[in-house]
Amino acid sequence: AYWQLHNWPELSVRSVRTHYEGRGDWVALSEAESPYARPLEARAASGDDAKSQGAAIEPKGSRAAAAAARENSDVALADSVGSDVDETHALDEMAMLRRWQTGTTGFPVVDAGMRRLWATGWMHQTERMIAATYLVDYCGVHWTHGARWFHNTLVDADLAVNSTMWQNAGKSGLDQWDVFSGGLAPDGSARAHDPTGESIARWIPELAGLPKGHLRHRPWEASLKTLTTAG
């Protein structure tokens, strides 16, 4: 990750595989709304570092920083309307981004991780990867929106590692993730990190009444009787 950041100073805001910036199914994040607006070289030249950029990068886990990131993400998406992106598509992207941020997507494995992140500043590694691929591959949101959110909410956020992870999630990095192989699908098929759904029961209390196991990950497969009993 650090080697990549050294060789690509704009790793946090520009796709390594530059042709991916032109994907028609992404709503791009404008440079002005970037979570790390200036590349590292520019910050070094001015005597700044990642911890001295004011509101742009606040202490990890800062709710103010996360709230600002959420607002800026909405602004960046709204600003893209009327350019090369259909207005309805952009508004849909904005709604999906907000649901992702708040853990209300309807996919338990995604929502549990995102709610845990907001409450504690931490996520299981598998939750991070599933949440990232869900936002990029299933919602069509540009990876930089997710990078911004993780950077401002994770207590262990690291510029190089976070940027590299999101580049890979966006298929624009050096190590592209094969999300469609099933290992990172958001539909509950990947649950080795939480086989009984204990994390889901904790962070999504509305599903806590379901039997332990796959139904907590895939509640849409539960019978009406099971759902009624679970409350």
C-alpha atoms as a PDB file:
ATOM      1  CA  ALA A   1       0.000   0.000   0.000  1.00  0.00           C
ATOM      2  CA  TYR A   2       2.764   2.458   0.889  1.00  0.00           C
ATOM      3  CA  TRP A   3       4.672   1.617  -2.277  1.00  0.00           C
ATOM      4  CA  GLN A   4       1.552   2.367  -4.287  1.00  0.00           C
ATOM      5  CA  LEU A   5       0.968   5.658  -2.487  1.00  0.00           C
ATOM      6  CA  HIS A   6       4.585   6.620  -3.146  1.00  0.00           C
ATOM      7  CA  ASN A   7       4.263   5.872  -6.848  1.00  0.00           C
ATOM      8  CA  TRP A   8       0.723   7.239  -7.214  1.00  0.00           C
ATOM      9  CA  PRO A   9       0.504  10.317  -4.929  1.00  0.00           C
ATOM     10  CA  GLU A  10      -3.138  10.803  -5.895  1.00  0.00           C
ATOM     11  CA  LEU A  11      -4.042   7.236  -4.935  1.00  0.00           C
ATOM     12  CA  SER A  12      -6.889   8.462  -2.721  1.00  0.00           C
ATOM     13  CA  VAL A  13      -8.647  10.445  -5.438  1.00  0.00           C
ATOM     14  CA  ARG A  14      -7.592   9.094  -8.847  1.00  0.00           C
ATOM     15  CA  SER A  15      -8.006   5.600 -10.236  1.00  0.00           C
ATOM     16  CA  VAL A  16      -4.681   3.882 -10.919  1.00  0.00           C
ATOM     17  CA  ARG A  17      -6.265   2.402 -14.045  1.00  0.00           C
ATOM     18  CA  THR A  18      -7.252   5.808 -15.390  1.00  0.00           C
ATOM     19  CA  HIS A  19      -9.653   4.484 -18.013  1.00  0.00           C
ATOM     20  CA  TYR A  20     -11.977   3.500 -15.165  1.00  0.00           C
ATOM     21  CA  GLU A  21     -12.688   7.165 -14.505  1.00  0.00           C
ATOM     22  CA  GLY A  22     -14.863   7.151 -17.611  1.00  0.00           C
ATOM     23  CA  ARG A  23     -17.265   4.417 -16.462  1.00  0.00           C
ATOM     24  CA  GLY A  24     -20.752   5.529 -17.338  1.00  0.00           C
ATOM     25  CA  ASP A  25     -22.351   3.751 -14.385  1.00  0.00           C
ATOM     26  CA  TRP A  26     -20.391   5.736 -11.794  1.00  0.00           C
ATOM     27  CA  VAL A  27     -21.214   9.145 -10.399  1.00  0.00           C
ATOM     28  CA  ALA A  28     -17.763  10.662 -10.036  1.00  0.00           C
ATOM     29  CA  LEU A  29     -16.545  12.593  -7.011  1.00  0.00           C
ATOM     30  CA  SER A  30     -15.334  16.035  -8.021  1.00  0.00           C
ATOM     31  CA  GLU A  31     -11.797  17.021  -7.077  1.00  0.00           C
ATOM     32  CA  ALA A  32     -13.047  19.924  -4.969  1.00  0.00           C
ATOM     33  CA  GLU A  33     -15.049  17.547  -2.808  1.00  0.00           C
ATOM     34  CA  SER A  34     -12.243  15.032  -2.401  1.00  0.00           C
ATOM     35  CA  PRO A  35     -11.594  13.743   1.128  1.00  0.00           C
ATOM     36  CA  TYR A  36      -7.916  14.561   0.652  1.00  0.00           C
ATOM     37  CA  ALA A  37      -8.186  17.473  -1.753  1.00  0.00           C
ATOM     38  CA  ARG A  38      -4.469  17.907  -2.430  1.00  0.00           C
ATOM     39  CA  PRO A  39      -2.064  15.099  -3.343  1.00  0.00           C
ATOM     40  CA  LEU A  40       0.641  14.239  -0.820  1.00  0.00           C
ATOM     41  CA  GLU A  41       3.358  16.038  -2.760  1.00  0.00           C
ATOM     42  CA  ALA A  42       1.429  19.306  -2.583  1.00  0.00           C
ATOM     43  CA  ARG A  43       0.813  18.896   1.139  1.00  0.00           C
ATOM     44  CA  ALA A  44       4.474  18.142   1.782  1.00  0.00           C
ATOM     45  CA  ALA A  45       5.537  21.197  -0.199  1.00  0.00           C
ATOM     46  CA  SER A  46       3.318  23.425   1.918  1.00  0.00           C
ATOM     47  CA  GLY A  47       4.428  21.859   5.186  1.00  0.00           C
ATOM     48  CA  ASP A  48       1.085  20.161   5.806  1.00  0.00           C
ATOM     49  CA  ASP A  49       0.417  16.535   6.598  1.00  0.00           C
ATOM     50  CA  ALA A  50      -2.675  14.355   6.747  1.00  0.00           C
ATOM     51  CA  LYS A  51      -3.452  15.514  10.284  1.00  0.00           C
ATOM     52  CA  SER A  52      -3.276  19.243   9.677  1.00  0.00           C
ATOM     53  CA  GLN A  53      -5.851  19.817   6.968  1.00  0.00           C
ATOM     54  CA  GLY A  54      -8.554  21.271   9.144  1.00  0.00           C
ATOM     55  CA  ALA A  55     -12.042  20.035   8.452  1.00  0.00           C
ATOM     56  CA  ALA A  56     -10.932  17.940   5.489  1.00  0.00           C
ATOM     57  CA  ILE A  57      -9.324  15.279   7.688  1.00  0.00           C
ATOM     58  CA  GLU A  58     -10.269  15.230  11.360  1.00  0.00           C
ATOM     59  CA  PRO A  59      -9.266  12.682  14.019  1.00  0.00           C
ATOM     60  CA  LYS A  60     -10.349   9.163  13.127  1.00  0.00           C
ATOM     61  CA  GLY A  61     -13.772   8.279  14.471  1.00  0.00           C
ATOM     62  CA  SER A  62     -14.814  11.950  14.662  1.00  0.00           C
ATOM     63  CA  ARG A  63     -18.580  12.190  14.242  1.00  0.00           C
ATOM     64  CA  ALA A  64     -18.152  15.757  13.005  1.00  0.00           C
ATOM     65  CA  ALA A  65     -15.793  14.575  10.286  1.00  0.00           C
ATOM     66  CA  ALA A  66     -18.129  11.740   9.316  1.00  0.00           C
ATOM     67  CA  ALA A  67     -21.132  14.044   9.228  1.00  0.00           C
ATOM     68  CA  ALA A  68     -19.184  16.492   7.089  1.00  0.00           C
ATOM     69  CA  ALA A  69     -18.138  13.654   4.788  1.00  0.00           C
ATOM     70  CA  ARG A  70     -21.755  12.591   4.414  1.00  0.00           C
ATOM     71  CA  GLU A  71     -22.826  16.144   3.585  1.00  0.00           C
ATOM     72  CA  ASN A  72     -19.972  16.647   1.141  1.00  0.00           C
ATOM     73  CA  SER A  73     -20.767  13.335  -0.557  1.00  0.00           C
ATOM     74  CA  ASP A  74     -24.326  14.521  -1.098  1.00  0.00           C
ATOM     75  CA  VAL A  75     -23.051  17.826  -2.455  1.00  0.00           C
ATOM     76  CA  ALA A  76     -20.608  16.110  -4.804  1.00  0.00           C
ATOM     77  CA  LEU A  77     -23.319  13.833  -6.152  1.00  0.00           C
ATOM     78  CA  ALA A  78     -25.753  16.715  -6.535  1.00  0.00           C
ATOM     79  CA  ASP A  79     -23.137  18.774  -8.355  1.00  0.00           C
ATOM     80  CA  SER A  80     -22.719  15.973 -10.885  1.00  0.00           C
ATOM     81  CA  VAL A  81     -26.354  16.304 -11.955  1.00  0.00           C
ATOM     82  CA  GLY A  82     -26.697  18.091 -15.228  1.00  0.00           C
ATOM     83  CA  SER A  83     -23.229  17.212 -16.477  1.00  0.00           C
ATOM     84  CA  ASP A  84     -22.705  13.806 -18.044  1.00  0.00           C
ATOM     85  CA  VAL A  85     -24.948  11.969 -15.614  1.00  0.00           C
ATOM     86  CA  ASP A  86     -28.693  11.566 -15.853  1.00  0.00           C
ATOM     87  CA  GLU A  87     -30.458  13.453 -13.048  1.00  0.00           C
ATOM     88  CA  THR A  88     -32.597  10.526 -11.937  1.00  0.00           C
ATOM     89  CA  HIS A  89     -29.579   8.240 -11.867  1.00  0.00           C
ATOM     90  CA  ALA A  90     -27.616  10.713  -9.737  1.00  0.00           C
ATOM     91  CA  LEU A  91     -30.448  11.111  -7.254  1.00  0.00           C
ATOM     92  CA  ASP A  92     -30.731   7.327  -6.988  1.00  0.00           C
ATOM     93  CA  GLU A  93     -26.999   7.167  -6.327  1.00  0.00           C
ATOM     94  CA  MET A  94     -27.352   9.762  -3.589  1.00  0.00           C
ATOM     95  CA  ALA A  95     -30.095   7.760  -1.889  1.00  0.00           C
ATOM     96  CA  MET A  96     -28.086   4.532  -2.110  1.00  0.00           C
ATOM     97  CA  LEU A  97     -24.997   6.218  -0.695  1.00  0.00           C
ATOM     98  CA  ARG A  98     -26.995   7.549   2.262  1.00  0.00           C
ATOM     99  CA  ARG A  99     -28.542   4.121   2.926  1.00  0.00           C
ATOM    100  CA  TRP A 100     -25.096   2.563   2.785  1.00  0.00           C
ATOM    101  CA  GLN A 101     -23.697   5.118   5.216  1.00  0.00           C
ATOM    102  CA  THR A 102     -26.529   4.615   7.694  1.00  0.00           C
ATOM    103  CA  GLY A 103     -26.708   0.816   7.442  1.00  0.00           C
ATOM    104  CA  THR A 104     -30.188   0.699   5.966  1.00  0.00           C
ATOM    105  CA  THR A 105     -29.588  -1.071   2.646  1.00  0.00           C
ATOM    106  CA  GLY A 106     -31.695  -4.123   3.517  1.00  0.00           C
ATOM    107  CA  PHE A 107     -28.714  -6.498   3.281  1.00  0.00           C
ATOM    108  CA  PRO A 108     -27.953  -7.595   6.866  1.00  0.00           C
ATOM    109  CA  VAL A 109     -24.270  -8.341   6.336  1.00  0.00           C
ATOM    110  CA  VAL A 110     -23.761  -4.851   4.912  1.00  0.00           C
ATOM    111  CA  ASP A 111     -25.964  -3.044   7.410  1.00  0.00           C
ATOM    112  CA  ALA A 112     -24.487  -4.732  10.483  1.00  0.00           C
ATOM    113  CA  GLY A 113     -20.997  -3.717   9.453  1.00  0.00           C
ATOM    114  CA  MET A 114     -21.944  -0.146   8.642  1.00  0.00           C
ATOM    115  CA  ARG A 115     -23.874   0.309  11.891  1.00  0.00           C
ATOM    116  CA  ARG A 116     -20.943  -1.159  13.823  1.00  0.00           C
ATOM    117  CA  LEU A 117     -18.640   1.271  12.033  1.00  0.00           C
ATOM    118  CA  TRP A 118     -20.716   4.302  13.008  1.00  0.00           C
ATOM    119  CA  ALA A 119     -21.079   3.177  16.631  1.00  0.00           C
ATOM    120  CA  THR A 120     -17.538   1.971  17.280  1.00  0.00           C
ATOM    121  CA  GLY A 121     -15.247   3.183  14.489  1.00  0.00           C
ATOM    122  CA  TRP A 122     -14.306  -0.396  13.591  1.00  0.00           C
ATOM    123  CA  MET A 123     -15.411  -3.162  11.216  1.00  0.00           C
ATOM    124  CA  HIS A 124     -14.416  -6.770  10.666  1.00  0.00           C
ATOM    125  CA  GLN A 125     -12.181  -7.056   7.589  1.00  0.00           C
ATOM    126  CA  THR A 126     -14.736  -9.175   5.727  1.00  0.00           C
ATOM    127  CA  GLU A 127     -17.436  -6.609   6.524  1.00  0.00           C
ATOM    128  CA  ARG A 128     -15.217  -3.881   5.078  1.00  0.00           C
ATOM    129  CA  MET A 129     -14.697  -5.761   1.844  1.00  0.00           C
ATOM    130  CA  ILE A 130     -18.349  -6.722   1.424  1.00  0.00           C
ATOM    131  CA  ALA A 131     -19.510  -3.179   2.198  1.00  0.00           C
ATOM    132  CA  ALA A 132     -17.020  -1.752  -0.289  1.00  0.00           C
ATOM    133  CA  THR A 133     -17.905  -4.066  -3.155  1.00  0.00           C
ATOM    134  CA  TYR A 134     -21.618  -3.593  -2.464  1.00  0.00           C
ATOM    135  CA  LEU A 135     -21.318   0.182  -2.805  1.00  0.00           C
ATOM    136  CA  VAL A 136     -19.232   0.041  -5.974  1.00  0.00           C
ATOM    137  CA  ASP A 137     -20.448  -3.021  -7.867  1.00  0.00           C
ATOM    138  CA  TYR A 138     -24.083  -3.217  -6.832  1.00  0.00           C
ATOM    139  CA  CYS A 139     -24.916   0.456  -6.300  1.00  0.00           C
ATOM    140  CA  GLY A 140     -22.631   1.903  -8.982  1.00  0.00           C
ATOM    141  CA  VAL A 141     -21.260   4.582  -6.644  1.00  0.00           C
ATOM    142  CA  HIS A 142     -17.725   5.779  -7.379  1.00  0.00           C
ATOM    143  CA  TRP A 143     -15.194   4.216  -5.002  1.00  0.00           C
ATOM    144  CA  THR A 144     -13.942   7.601  -3.772  1.00  0.00           C
ATOM    145  CA  HIS A 145     -17.224   8.202  -1.922  1.00  0.00           C
ATOM    146  CA  GLY A 146     -16.642   5.051   0.099  1.00  0.00           C
ATOM    147  CA  ALA A 147     -12.974   5.896   0.658  1.00  0.00           C
ATOM    148  CA  ARG A 148     -13.974   9.250   2.092  1.00  0.00           C
ATOM    149  CA  TRP A 149     -16.534   7.697   4.459  1.00  0.00           C
ATOM    150  CA  PHE A 150     -14.177   5.000   5.733  1.00  0.00           C
ATOM    151  CA  HIS A 151     -11.342   7.480   6.207  1.00  0.00           C
ATOM    152  CA  ASN A 152     -13.496   9.705   8.395  1.00  0.00           C
ATOM    153  CA  THR A 153     -15.123   6.952  10.462  1.00  0.00           C
ATOM    154  CA  LEU A 154     -12.544   4.190  10.974  1.00  0.00           C
ATOM    155  CA  VAL A 155     -10.405   4.622  14.074  1.00  0.00           C
ATOM    156  CA  ASP A 156      -7.659   2.634  12.345  1.00  0.00           C
ATOM    157  CA  ALA A 157      -7.937   4.466   9.025  1.00  0.00           C
ATOM    158  CA  ASP A 158      -4.688   4.683   7.102  1.00  0.00           C
ATOM    159  CA  LEU A 159      -4.396   6.788   3.963  1.00  0.00           C
ATOM    160  CA  ALA A 160      -2.343   4.265   1.993  1.00  0.00           C
ATOM    161  CA  VAL A 161      -4.207   1.124   3.093  1.00  0.00           C
ATOM    162  CA  ASN A 162      -7.673   2.666   2.799  1.00  0.00           C
ATOM    163  CA  SER A 163      -6.968   4.090  -0.655  1.00  0.00           C
ATOM    164  CA  THR A 164      -5.488   0.818  -1.908  1.00  0.00           C
ATOM    165  CA  MET A 165      -8.465  -1.161  -0.610  1.00  0.00           C
ATOM    166  CA  TRP A 166     -10.981   1.097  -2.284  1.00  0.00           C
ATOM    167  CA  GLN A 167      -9.002   1.165  -5.536  1.00  0.00           C
ATOM    168  CA  ASN A 168      -9.209  -2.633  -5.586  1.00  0.00           C
ATOM    169  CA  ALA A 169     -12.905  -2.583  -4.744  1.00  0.00           C
ATOM    170  CA  GLY A 170     -13.444  -0.225  -7.657  1.00  0.00           C
ATOM    171  CA  LYS A 171     -11.532  -2.562 -10.000  1.00  0.00           C
ATOM    172  CA  SER A 172      -9.251   0.382 -10.730  1.00  0.00           C
ATOM    173  CA  GLY A 173      -6.338  -0.706  -8.540  1.00  0.00           C
ATOM    174  CA  LEU A 174      -3.500  -3.134  -9.091  1.00  0.00           C
ATOM    175  CA  ASP A 175      -5.251  -6.026  -7.315  1.00  0.00           C
ATOM    176  CA  GLN A 176      -8.817  -6.209  -8.567  1.00  0.00           C
ATOM    177  CA  TRP A 177     -11.264  -8.088  -6.343  1.00  0.00           C
ATOM    178  CA  ASP A 178     -13.360 -10.779  -8.001  1.00  0.00           C
ATOM    179  CA  VAL A 179     -16.572  -9.791  -6.218  1.00  0.00           C
ATOM    180  CA  PHE A 180     -18.849 -11.834  -8.442  1.00  0.00           C
ATOM    181  CA  SER A 181     -17.137 -15.100  -7.516  1.00  0.00           C
ATOM    182  CA  GLY A 182     -19.451 -15.153  -4.491  1.00  0.00           C
ATOM    183  CA  GLY A 183     -16.883 -14.587  -1.766  1.00  0.00           C
ATOM    184  CA  LEU A 184     -17.882 -10.958  -1.324  1.00  0.00           C
ATOM    185  CA  ALA A 185     -21.548 -11.096  -2.318  1.00  0.00           C
ATOM    186  CA  PRO A 186     -23.819  -9.038  -0.027  1.00  0.00           C
ATOM    187  CA  ASP A 187     -26.668 -11.574  -0.070  1.00  0.00           C
ATOM    188  CA  GLY A 188     -25.550 -13.450   3.033  1.00  0.00           C
ATOM    189  CA  SER A 189     -23.768 -16.243   1.178  1.00  0.00           C
ATOM    190  CA  ALA A 190     -20.451 -15.039   2.661  1.00  0.00           C
ATOM    191  CA  ARG A 191     -20.872 -15.508   6.401  1.00  0.00           C
ATOM    192  CA  ALA A 192     -17.809 -17.360   7.668  1.00  0.00           C
ATOM    193  CA  HIS A 193     -16.921 -14.312   9.775  1.00  0.00           C
ATOM    194  CA  ASP A 194     -20.330 -14.461  11.529  1.00  0.00           C
ATOM    195  CA  PRO A 195     -21.789 -17.949  10.977  1.00  0.00           C
ATOM    196  CA  THR A 196     -24.591 -17.716  13.546  1.00  0.00           C
ATOM    197  CA  GLY A 197     -25.471 -14.098  12.830  1.00  0.00           C
ATOM    198  CA  GLU A 198     -24.546 -12.853  16.303  1.00  0.00           C
ATOM    199  CA  SER A 199     -23.195  -9.582  14.924  1.00  0.00           C
ATOM    200  CA  ILE A 200     -26.342  -9.100  12.881  1.00  0.00           C
ATOM    201  CA  ALA A 201     -28.499  -9.706  15.941  1.00  0.00           C
ATOM    202  CA  ARG A 202     -26.476  -7.162  17.903  1.00  0.00           C
ATOM    203  CA  TRP A 203     -26.391  -4.393  15.334  1.00  0.00           C
ATOM    204  CA  ILE A 204     -29.745  -5.032  13.671  1.00  0.00           C
ATOM    205  CA  PRO A 205     -32.016  -5.752  16.657  1.00  0.00           C
ATOM    206  CA  GLU A 206     -35.058  -6.080  14.399  1.00  0.00           C
ATOM    207  CA  LEU A 207     -33.531  -9.370  13.175  1.00  0.00           C
ATOM    208  CA  ALA A 208     -32.409 -10.638  16.583  1.00  0.00           C
ATOM    209  CA  GLY A 209     -35.543 -12.748  16.988  1.00  0.00           C
ATOM    210  CA  LEU A 210     -34.741 -14.881  13.970  1.00  0.00           C
ATOM    211  CA  PRO A 211     -33.131 -18.300  14.538  1.00  0.00           C
ATOM    212  CA  LYS A 212     -29.341 -18.317  14.662  1.00  0.00           C
ATOM    213  CA  GLY A 213     -27.751 -19.076  11.333  1.00  0.00           C
ATOM    214  CA  HIS A 214     -28.442 -18.282   7.729  1.00  0.00           C
ATOM    215  CA  LEU A 215     -31.888 -16.705   8.237  1.00  0.00           C
ATOM    216  CA  ARG A 216     -30.307 -13.770  10.006  1.00  0.00           C
ATOM    217  CA  HIS A 217     -28.159 -13.290   6.932  1.00  0.00           C
ATOM    218  CA  ARG A 218     -31.004 -13.993   4.499  1.00  0.00           C
ATOM    219  CA  PRO A 219     -34.257 -13.030   6.287  1.00  0.00           C
ATOM    220  CA  TRP A 220     -36.144 -12.938   2.986  1.00  0.00           C
ATOM    221  CA  GLU A 221     -35.946 -16.741   2.969  1.00  0.00           C
ATOM    222  CA  ALA A 222     -37.745 -17.072   6.309  1.00  0.00           C
ATOM    223  CA  SER A 223     -41.323 -18.326   6.304  1.00  0.00           C
ATOM    224  CA  LEU A 224     -44.172 -16.053   7.317  1.00  0.00           C
ATOM    225  CA  LYS A 225     -44.567 -18.109  10.484  1.00  0.00           C
ATOM    226  CA  THR A 226     -40.894 -17.652  11.382  1.00  0.00           C
ATOM    227  CA  LEU A 227     -41.059 -13.931  10.718  1.00  0.00           C
ATOM    228  CA  THR A 228     -44.195 -13.572  12.806  1.00  0.00           C
ATOM    229  CA  THR A 229     -42.684 -15.520  15.688  1.00  0.00           C
ATOM    230  CA  ALA A 230     -39.525 -13.406  15.497  1.00  0.00           C
ATOM    231  CA  GLY A 231     -41.619 -10.263  15.827  1.00  0.00           C
END
